[in-house]
Amino acid sequence: MARTIKRLPMLPAERALKVISGRWKAVILYHLFDGPHRLSALKALMPGITQKVLIDQLREMEEHGLVSREIFAEIPARVEYCATTLGLSLEPILLALCQWGQHHADALDERAHLADCIIRPRPATGGFGQLKKGGASAAPREDSTTQIL
């Protein structure tokens, strides 16, 4: 794991928030929960992010051990990013944040303004997190435990 350049807070909750804070980090992780992606594929999944910001966010998450980068010895060079075991361990936390965000929107009567990301159960792998984002063919389910972000 790369050496952390910026010092992280000593309080565990503050440390966790610092590591996942950023406009795009949760969204990037959400897409990496599906498996490895090239930079161009991630950019295509998030049209509102600039390439510079995407690279900066990936580098920060790599520093903090949430994302790994693999460079393939090909011409042209191919680079893939994937969530590490530590990054995958954030999946249930991001789901809980999603549920709380929905609750907050409900309390303020703003639920209609929220975007949904549908997830479905992931086959057990023995690792952290047991939920996976669904593709276009995944049917939305009624209970709120099937949505993230």
N, C-alpha and C. Protein backbone atom coordinates (compact mmCIF):
# COMPACT_ATOMS: atom_id res chain seq x y z
N MET A 1 0.85 -1.17 0.00
CA MET A 1 0.00 0.00 0.00
C MET A 1 0.90 1.24 0.00
N ALA A 2 0.51 2.24 -0.76
CA ALA A 2 1.29 3.46 -0.88
C ALA A 2 1.29 4.22 0.44
N ARG A 3 2.36 4.96 0.69
CA ARG A 3 2.48 5.78 1.88
C ARG A 3 1.50 6.93 1.78
N THR A 4 0.78 7.20 2.88
CA THR A 4 -0.19 8.28 2.89
C THR A 4 0.54 9.61 2.96
N ILE A 5 0.26 10.50 2.02
CA ILE A 5 0.93 11.78 1.96
C ILE A 5 0.36 12.74 3.00
N LYS A 6 -0.98 12.81 3.08
CA LYS A 6 -1.62 13.71 4.02
C LYS A 6 -1.89 12.97 5.32
N ARG A 7 -1.63 13.64 6.45
CA ARG A 7 -1.92 13.02 7.74
C ARG A 7 -3.43 12.92 7.93
N LEU A 8 -3.85 11.80 8.42
CA LEU A 8 -5.27 11.58 8.67
C LEU A 8 -5.58 11.88 10.14
N PRO A 9 -6.82 12.29 10.42
CA PRO A 9 -7.22 12.57 11.80
C PRO A 9 -7.07 11.35 12.69
N MET A 10 -6.91 11.58 13.99
CA MET A 10 -6.74 10.49 14.95
C MET A 10 -8.07 9.89 15.39
N LEU A 11 -9.14 10.66 15.35
CA LEU A 11 -10.47 10.16 15.72
C LEU A 11 -10.97 9.22 14.62
N PRO A 12 -11.33 7.98 14.93
CA PRO A 12 -11.73 7.03 13.89
C PRO A 12 -12.87 7.51 12.99
N ALA A 13 -13.92 8.09 13.56
CA ALA A 13 -15.05 8.55 12.73
C ALA A 13 -14.60 9.68 11.81
N GLU A 14 -13.81 10.59 12.33
CA GLU A 14 -13.30 11.69 11.51
C GLU A 14 -12.38 11.17 10.42
N ARG A 15 -11.57 10.18 10.76
CA ARG A 15 -10.67 9.55 9.79
C ARG A 15 -11.48 8.92 8.65
N ALA A 16 -12.52 8.16 9.00
CA ALA A 16 -13.36 7.50 7.99
C ALA A 16 -14.00 8.53 7.07
N LEU A 17 -14.54 9.60 7.64
CA LEU A 17 -15.17 10.64 6.83
C LEU A 17 -14.14 11.32 5.92
N LYS A 18 -12.95 11.54 6.41
CA LYS A 18 -11.90 12.17 5.61
C LYS A 18 -11.53 11.30 4.41
N VAL A 19 -11.44 9.99 4.64
CA VAL A 19 -11.02 9.06 3.58
C VAL A 19 -12.08 8.95 2.48
N ILE A 20 -13.37 9.01 2.83
CA ILE A 20 -14.41 8.86 1.81
C ILE A 20 -15.01 10.19 1.37
N SER A 21 -14.55 11.29 1.95
CA SER A 21 -15.12 12.58 1.56
C SER A 21 -14.62 12.98 0.18
N GLY A 22 -15.41 13.73 -0.50
CA GLY A 22 -15.10 14.14 -1.86
C GLY A 22 -16.34 13.94 -2.70
N ARG A 23 -16.57 14.83 -3.60
CA ARG A 23 -17.79 14.81 -4.42
C ARG A 23 -17.98 13.48 -5.16
N TRP A 24 -16.91 12.84 -5.58
CA TRP A 24 -17.02 11.69 -6.48
C TRP A 24 -16.55 10.37 -5.88
N LYS A 25 -15.92 10.36 -4.72
CA LYS A 25 -15.33 9.12 -4.20
C LYS A 25 -16.36 8.00 -4.03
N ALA A 26 -17.49 8.31 -3.44
CA ALA A 26 -18.51 7.27 -3.23
C ALA A 26 -19.04 6.74 -4.57
N VAL A 27 -19.18 7.63 -5.54
CA VAL A 27 -19.68 7.23 -6.86
C VAL A 27 -18.64 6.35 -7.57
N ILE A 28 -17.38 6.73 -7.48
CA ILE A 28 -16.31 5.92 -8.08
C ILE A 28 -16.28 4.53 -7.45
N LEU A 29 -16.31 4.49 -6.11
CA LEU A 29 -16.31 3.19 -5.43
C LEU A 29 -17.52 2.36 -5.84
N TYR A 30 -18.65 3.00 -5.92
CA TYR A 30 -19.88 2.32 -6.33
C TYR A 30 -19.67 1.58 -7.65
N HIS A 31 -19.05 2.23 -8.61
CA HIS A 31 -18.80 1.59 -9.91
C HIS A 31 -17.72 0.52 -9.81
N LEU A 32 -16.74 0.72 -8.94
CA LEU A 32 -15.67 -0.27 -8.79
C LEU A 32 -16.13 -1.50 -8.00
N PHE A 33 -17.26 -1.40 -7.29
CA PHE A 33 -17.78 -2.58 -6.61
C PHE A 33 -18.13 -3.67 -7.62
N ASP A 34 -18.40 -3.29 -8.86
CA ASP A 34 -18.70 -4.26 -9.92
C ASP A 34 -17.47 -5.01 -10.41
N GLY A 35 -16.30 -4.43 -10.21
CA GLY A 35 -15.08 -5.04 -10.70
C GLY A 35 -14.19 -4.00 -11.34
N PRO A 36 -13.05 -4.43 -11.89
CA PRO A 36 -12.08 -3.49 -12.46
C PRO A 36 -12.65 -2.69 -13.62
N HIS A 37 -12.20 -1.45 -13.72
CA HIS A 37 -12.58 -0.56 -14.81
C HIS A 37 -11.36 0.24 -15.26
N ARG A 38 -11.31 0.50 -16.55
CA ARG A 38 -10.30 1.40 -17.08
C ARG A 38 -10.75 2.83 -16.82
N LEU A 39 -9.80 3.75 -16.89
CA LEU A 39 -10.09 5.15 -16.64
C LEU A 39 -11.18 5.66 -17.58
N SER A 40 -11.07 5.32 -18.85
CA SER A 40 -12.06 5.79 -19.83
C SER A 40 -13.45 5.24 -19.54
N ALA A 41 -13.53 4.00 -19.04
CA ALA A 41 -14.84 3.42 -18.71
C ALA A 41 -15.44 4.13 -17.50
N LEU A 42 -14.62 4.43 -16.50
CA LEU A 42 -15.12 5.17 -15.34
C LEU A 42 -15.61 6.55 -15.76
N LYS A 43 -14.85 7.20 -16.61
CA LYS A 43 -15.23 8.54 -17.09
C LYS A 43 -16.57 8.48 -17.81
N ALA A 44 -16.77 7.44 -18.61
CA ALA A 44 -18.03 7.29 -19.35
C ALA A 44 -19.21 7.06 -18.40
N LEU A 45 -18.96 6.41 -17.27
CA LEU A 45 -20.02 6.15 -16.30
C LEU A 45 -20.40 7.40 -15.51
N MET A 46 -19.50 8.39 -15.50
CA MET A 46 -19.72 9.63 -14.74
C MET A 46 -19.46 10.83 -15.64
N PRO A 47 -20.38 11.15 -16.53
CA PRO A 47 -20.13 12.22 -17.50
C PRO A 47 -19.92 13.60 -16.87
N GLY A 48 -20.34 13.79 -15.61
CA GLY A 48 -20.19 15.09 -14.97
C GLY A 48 -18.83 15.35 -14.35
N ILE A 49 -17.96 14.36 -14.34
CA ILE A 49 -16.64 14.50 -13.72
C ILE A 49 -15.60 14.81 -14.79
N THR A 50 -14.66 15.68 -14.46
CA THR A 50 -13.56 15.93 -15.39
C THR A 50 -12.51 14.83 -15.22
N GLN A 51 -11.70 14.63 -16.23
CA GLN A 51 -10.66 13.60 -16.15
C GLN A 51 -9.66 13.92 -15.04
N LYS A 52 -9.32 15.20 -14.87
CA LYS A 52 -8.39 15.59 -13.82
C LYS A 52 -8.92 15.24 -12.44
N VAL A 53 -10.18 15.56 -12.19
CA VAL A 53 -10.79 15.27 -10.89
C VAL A 53 -10.87 13.76 -10.68
N LEU A 54 -11.24 13.02 -11.71
CA LEU A 54 -11.31 11.56 -11.61
C LEU A 54 -9.95 10.99 -11.23
N ILE A 55 -8.91 11.43 -11.90
CA ILE A 55 -7.56 10.94 -11.60
C ILE A 55 -7.16 11.32 -10.18
N ASP A 56 -7.43 12.55 -9.77
CA ASP A 56 -7.09 13.00 -8.42
C ASP A 56 -7.81 12.16 -7.36
N GLN A 57 -9.11 11.90 -7.57
CA GLN A 57 -9.89 11.12 -6.61
C GLN A 57 -9.37 9.68 -6.56
N LEU A 58 -9.05 9.09 -7.72
CA LEU A 58 -8.50 7.74 -7.74
C LEU A 58 -7.15 7.68 -7.03
N ARG A 59 -6.32 8.67 -7.22
CA ARG A 59 -5.01 8.70 -6.55
C ARG A 59 -5.17 8.79 -5.03
N GLU A 60 -6.09 9.64 -4.57
CA GLU A 60 -6.34 9.75 -3.13
C GLU A 60 -6.84 8.43 -2.56
N MET A 61 -7.76 7.80 -3.27
CA MET A 61 -8.28 6.52 -2.78
C MET A 61 -7.21 5.43 -2.82
N GLU A 62 -6.31 5.52 -3.79
CA GLU A 62 -5.20 4.57 -3.84
C GLU A 62 -4.26 4.79 -2.66
N GLU A 63 -3.99 6.04 -2.33
CA GLU A 63 -3.15 6.36 -1.17
C GLU A 63 -3.73 5.80 0.12
N HIS A 64 -5.05 5.82 0.21
CA HIS A 64 -5.72 5.37 1.43
C HIS A 64 -6.07 3.89 1.40
N GLY A 65 -5.65 3.19 0.37
CA GLY A 65 -5.83 1.74 0.31
C GLY A 65 -7.21 1.27 -0.11
N LEU A 66 -8.03 2.16 -0.67
CA LEU A 66 -9.39 1.79 -1.08
C LEU A 66 -9.43 1.26 -2.51
N VAL A 67 -8.47 1.68 -3.31
CA VAL A 67 -8.44 1.36 -4.74
C VAL A 67 -7.03 0.91 -5.09
N SER A 68 -6.93 -0.07 -5.97
CA SER A 68 -5.62 -0.45 -6.49
C SER A 68 -5.61 -0.20 -8.00
N ARG A 69 -4.42 0.02 -8.50
CA ARG A 69 -4.23 0.30 -9.93
C ARG A 69 -3.29 -0.75 -10.48
N GLU A 70 -3.69 -1.35 -11.59
CA GLU A 70 -2.84 -2.34 -12.23
C GLU A 70 -2.49 -1.85 -13.63
N ILE A 71 -1.19 -1.82 -13.90
CA ILE A 71 -0.69 -1.38 -15.20
C ILE A 71 -0.26 -2.63 -15.96
N PHE A 72 -0.85 -2.82 -17.13
CA PHE A 72 -0.54 -3.99 -17.96
C PHE A 72 0.55 -3.62 -18.96
N ALA A 73 1.49 -4.52 -19.16
CA ALA A 73 2.60 -4.30 -20.09
C ALA A 73 2.12 -4.58 -21.51
N GLU A 74 1.35 -3.65 -22.03
CA GLU A 74 0.82 -3.75 -23.39
C GLU A 74 1.10 -2.44 -24.10
N ILE A 75 1.00 -2.48 -25.41
CA ILE A 75 1.14 -1.24 -26.18
C ILE A 75 -0.15 -1.07 -26.96
N PRO A 76 -0.90 0.00 -26.74
CA PRO A 76 -0.64 1.02 -25.72
C PRO A 76 -0.89 0.46 -24.31
N ALA A 77 -0.29 1.12 -23.33
CA ALA A 77 -0.41 0.67 -21.94
C ALA A 77 -1.87 0.68 -21.52
N ARG A 78 -2.24 -0.34 -20.75
CA ARG A 78 -3.60 -0.45 -20.23
C ARG A 78 -3.53 -0.39 -18.72
N VAL A 79 -4.37 0.45 -18.12
CA VAL A 79 -4.42 0.61 -16.67
C VAL A 79 -5.84 0.31 -16.22
N GLU A 80 -5.98 -0.52 -15.20
CA GLU A 80 -7.28 -0.82 -14.63
C GLU A 80 -7.27 -0.48 -13.14
N TYR A 81 -8.41 0.01 -12.68
CA TYR A 81 -8.60 0.33 -11.27
C TYR A 81 -9.62 -0.63 -10.70
N CYS A 82 -9.40 -1.07 -9.47
CA CYS A 82 -10.39 -1.92 -8.80
C CYS A 82 -10.42 -1.58 -7.31
N ALA A 83 -11.55 -1.89 -6.70
CA ALA A 83 -11.69 -1.70 -5.25
C ALA A 83 -10.90 -2.79 -4.54
N THR A 84 -10.15 -2.40 -3.53
CA THR A 84 -9.43 -3.37 -2.71
C THR A 84 -10.40 -3.99 -1.72
N THR A 85 -9.92 -4.95 -0.95
CA THR A 85 -10.75 -5.53 0.10
C THR A 85 -11.18 -4.45 1.08
N LEU A 86 -10.28 -3.54 1.39
CA LEU A 86 -10.61 -2.42 2.28
C LEU A 86 -11.67 -1.53 1.64
N GLY A 87 -11.56 -1.27 0.35
CA GLY A 87 -12.56 -0.48 -0.36
C GLY A 87 -13.90 -1.17 -0.40
N LEU A 88 -13.89 -2.48 -0.65
CA LEU A 88 -15.14 -3.26 -0.68
C LEU A 88 -15.82 -3.27 0.69
N SER A 89 -15.04 -3.13 1.75
CA SER A 89 -15.63 -3.13 3.08
C SER A 89 -16.49 -1.89 3.31
N LEU A 90 -16.39 -0.90 2.45
CA LEU A 90 -17.22 0.30 2.55
C LEU A 90 -18.60 0.12 1.94
N GLU A 91 -18.82 -0.95 1.22
CA GLU A 91 -20.09 -1.15 0.54
C GLU A 91 -21.30 -1.10 1.48
N PRO A 92 -21.29 -1.82 2.60
CA PRO A 92 -22.45 -1.72 3.50
C PRO A 92 -22.56 -0.34 4.15
N ILE A 93 -21.45 0.33 4.30
CA ILE A 93 -21.47 1.68 4.88
C ILE A 93 -22.09 2.66 3.90
N LEU A 94 -21.74 2.54 2.62
CA LEU A 94 -22.34 3.41 1.61
C LEU A 94 -23.83 3.11 1.47
N LEU A 95 -24.22 1.84 1.62
CA LEU A 95 -25.64 1.50 1.59
C LEU A 95 -26.37 2.17 2.76
N ALA A 96 -25.77 2.12 3.94
CA ALA A 96 -26.37 2.77 5.12
C ALA A 96 -26.47 4.28 4.91
N LEU A 97 -25.45 4.88 4.31
CA LEU A 97 -25.50 6.32 4.02
C LEU A 97 -26.61 6.63 3.03
N CYS A 98 -26.79 5.75 2.05
CA CYS A 98 -27.87 5.92 1.08
C CYS A 98 -29.22 5.89 1.78
N GLN A 99 -29.40 4.92 2.63
CA GLN A 99 -30.67 4.80 3.34
C GLN A 99 -30.93 6.02 4.22
N TRP A 100 -29.88 6.51 4.88
CA TRP A 100 -30.05 7.70 5.72
C TRP A 100 -30.36 8.91 4.84
N GLY A 101 -29.72 9.02 3.69
CA GLY A 101 -30.00 10.12 2.76
C GLY A 101 -31.45 10.10 2.30
N GLN A 102 -31.97 8.90 2.05
CA GLN A 102 -33.37 8.78 1.66
C GLN A 102 -34.28 9.19 2.82
N HIS A 103 -33.93 8.78 4.03
CA HIS A 103 -34.70 9.15 5.21
C HIS A 103 -34.68 10.68 5.39
N HIS A 104 -33.53 11.28 5.21
CA HIS A 104 -33.39 12.73 5.34
C HIS A 104 -34.25 13.44 4.30
N ALA A 105 -34.20 12.96 3.07
CA ALA A 105 -35.01 13.57 2.00
C ALA A 105 -36.50 13.42 2.31
N ASP A 106 -36.89 12.26 2.84
CA ASP A 106 -38.29 12.06 3.23
C ASP A 106 -38.70 13.06 4.30
N ALA A 107 -37.83 13.25 5.29
CA ALA A 107 -38.14 14.17 6.39
C ALA A 107 -38.31 15.60 5.91
N LEU A 108 -37.61 15.96 4.84
CA LEU A 108 -37.69 17.31 4.29
C LEU A 108 -38.61 17.38 3.07
N ASP A 109 -39.33 16.30 2.82
CA ASP A 109 -40.25 16.21 1.68
C ASP A 109 -39.54 16.52 0.35
N GLU A 110 -38.35 15.93 0.18
CA GLU A 110 -37.56 16.14 -1.03
C GLU A 110 -37.23 14.82 -1.73
N ARG A 111 -37.93 13.75 -1.42
CA ARG A 111 -37.62 12.43 -1.97
C ARG A 111 -37.70 12.41 -3.50
N ALA A 112 -38.61 13.21 -4.06
CA ALA A 112 -38.79 13.23 -5.51
C ALA A 112 -37.55 13.74 -6.24
N HIS A 113 -36.66 14.42 -5.53
CA HIS A 113 -35.47 15.00 -6.15
C HIS A 113 -34.26 14.07 -6.12
N LEU A 114 -34.42 12.90 -5.51
CA LEU A 114 -33.29 11.98 -5.38
C LEU A 114 -33.13 11.08 -6.60
N ALA A 115 -31.89 10.74 -6.89
CA ALA A 115 -31.59 9.74 -7.92
C ALA A 115 -31.45 8.39 -7.22
N ASP A 116 -31.86 7.33 -7.88
CA ASP A 116 -31.73 5.98 -7.32
C ASP A 116 -30.65 5.21 -8.06
N CYS A 117 -29.92 4.44 -7.32
CA CYS A 117 -29.00 3.46 -7.89
C CYS A 117 -29.44 2.12 -7.34
N ILE A 118 -29.83 1.23 -8.20
CA ILE A 118 -30.38 -0.05 -7.78
C ILE A 118 -29.24 -1.05 -7.61
N ILE A 119 -29.32 -1.84 -6.56
CA ILE A 119 -28.33 -2.88 -6.31
C ILE A 119 -29.06 -4.20 -6.12
N ARG A 120 -28.34 -5.27 -6.23
CA ARG A 120 -28.92 -6.59 -5.99
C ARG A 120 -27.90 -7.40 -5.20
N PRO A 121 -28.34 -8.45 -4.55
CA PRO A 121 -27.41 -9.26 -3.76
C PRO A 121 -26.26 -9.79 -4.63
N ARG A 122 -25.07 -9.76 -4.10
CA ARG A 122 -23.89 -10.30 -4.76
C ARG A 122 -23.64 -11.70 -4.23
N PRO A 123 -23.21 -12.60 -5.08
CA PRO A 123 -22.87 -13.94 -4.58
C PRO A 123 -21.82 -13.83 -3.48
N ALA A 124 -21.97 -14.59 -2.42
CA ALA A 124 -21.03 -14.55 -1.30
C ALA A 124 -19.64 -14.93 -1.80
N THR A 125 -18.66 -14.09 -1.43
CA THR A 125 -17.28 -14.34 -1.85
C THR A 125 -16.38 -14.55 -0.66
N GLY A 126 -16.94 -14.45 0.54
CA GLY A 126 -16.12 -14.59 1.73
C GLY A 126 -15.46 -13.28 2.12
N GLY A 127 -15.65 -12.23 1.31
CA GLY A 127 -15.05 -10.94 1.60
C GLY A 127 -16.05 -9.99 2.22
N PHE A 128 -15.69 -8.73 2.27
CA PHE A 128 -16.57 -7.72 2.82
C PHE A 128 -17.65 -7.36 1.81
N GLY A 129 -18.75 -6.87 2.33
CA GLY A 129 -19.83 -6.36 1.48
C GLY A 129 -20.52 -7.47 0.71
N GLN A 130 -21.81 -7.50 0.74
CA GLN A 130 -22.54 -8.55 0.06
C GLN A 130 -23.55 -8.00 -0.93
N LEU A 131 -23.42 -6.75 -1.35
CA LEU A 131 -24.37 -6.15 -2.28
C LEU A 131 -23.67 -5.67 -3.51
N LYS A 132 -24.38 -5.68 -4.64
CA LYS A 132 -23.78 -5.28 -5.90
C LYS A 132 -24.76 -4.44 -6.69
N LYS A 133 -24.22 -3.48 -7.39
CA LYS A 133 -25.04 -2.63 -8.24
C LYS A 133 -25.65 -3.47 -9.35
N GLY A 134 -26.89 -3.21 -9.67
CA GLY A 134 -27.56 -3.93 -10.73
C GLY A 134 -27.36 -3.24 -12.07
N GLY A 135 -27.41 -3.98 -13.12
CA GLY A 135 -27.30 -3.42 -14.45
C GLY A 135 -28.65 -2.93 -14.94
N ALA A 136 -28.71 -2.57 -16.20
CA ALA A 136 -29.95 -2.04 -16.77
C ALA A 136 -31.07 -3.05 -16.74
N SER A 137 -30.73 -4.33 -16.74
CA SER A 137 -31.76 -5.35 -16.75
C SER A 137 -32.27 -5.69 -15.36
N ALA A 138 -31.62 -5.18 -14.32
CA ALA A 138 -32.05 -5.50 -12.96
C ALA A 138 -33.35 -4.77 -12.65
N ALA A 139 -34.32 -5.51 -12.17
CA ALA A 139 -35.60 -4.91 -11.82
C ALA A 139 -35.51 -4.28 -10.45
N PRO A 140 -35.99 -3.03 -10.29
CA PRO A 140 -35.97 -2.41 -8.98
C PRO A 140 -36.87 -3.18 -8.02
N ARG A 141 -36.41 -3.28 -6.77
CA ARG A 141 -37.21 -3.93 -5.76
C ARG A 141 -37.81 -2.86 -4.87
N GLU A 142 -38.85 -3.21 -4.17
CA GLU A 142 -39.61 -2.23 -3.39
C GLU A 142 -38.91 -1.82 -2.10
N ASP A 143 -38.17 -2.72 -1.44
CA ASP A 143 -37.61 -2.34 -0.15
C ASP A 143 -36.38 -1.45 -0.35
N SER A 144 -36.18 -0.53 0.59
CA SER A 144 -35.12 0.46 0.45
C SER A 144 -33.72 -0.12 0.62
N THR A 145 -33.59 -1.39 1.00
CA THR A 145 -32.27 -1.98 1.15
C THR A 145 -31.66 -2.33 -0.20
N THR A 146 -32.37 -2.05 -1.29
CA THR A 146 -31.84 -2.39 -2.60
C THR A 146 -31.33 -1.17 -3.35
N GLN A 147 -31.17 -0.07 -2.69
CA GLN A 147 -30.72 1.14 -3.36
C GLN A 147 -29.47 1.68 -2.68
N ILE A 148 -28.60 2.28 -3.44
CA ILE A 148 -27.38 2.86 -2.90
C ILE A 148 -27.12 4.19 -3.57
N LEU A 149 -26.48 5.06 -2.85
CA LEU A 149 -26.10 6.40 -3.29
C LEU A 149 -27.29 7.19 -3.62
